[in-house]
Amino acid sequence: MTTFKIEVLGSGCKKCQQLEANAKTAIATLGIEAEISHITDVVEIAKRGVMSTPALVVNNKVVSKGQVLSPEQIQPLLRE
C-alpha cells in the first residue's frame, strides 16, 4: 500500500487549518495511509514556488494554491 506524503503550506491561519482538517477527512474517507504535516515557514513555502496560501502538496507536488479544497475535491488527488 502506498503511503501518501501530504503537506499543508500556510501560516497557520484559519483557512490553513481548515485545509488540513479537510485533508485528514479525505484520508479517513479513503482509508489510505498518509503522513500529513503543516509547513508554516515562509521561506520554505516560497522555495516551493507558492505565493498564495493555503496550498496543498501531495507527494512533493503542489496540487492547489490559495484555496481551501473540500474533502471531496482532495480525494481524487489521492487516487492518482
Foldseek 3Di string as FASTA:
>chain_A
DDEKEKEWEEQPDPLSVLLQVQCVVLCVVVVHHYDYYYHNDPVVCVVLVAPADGWMAIRNRTDDGNHRDGNVRCNVVVVD
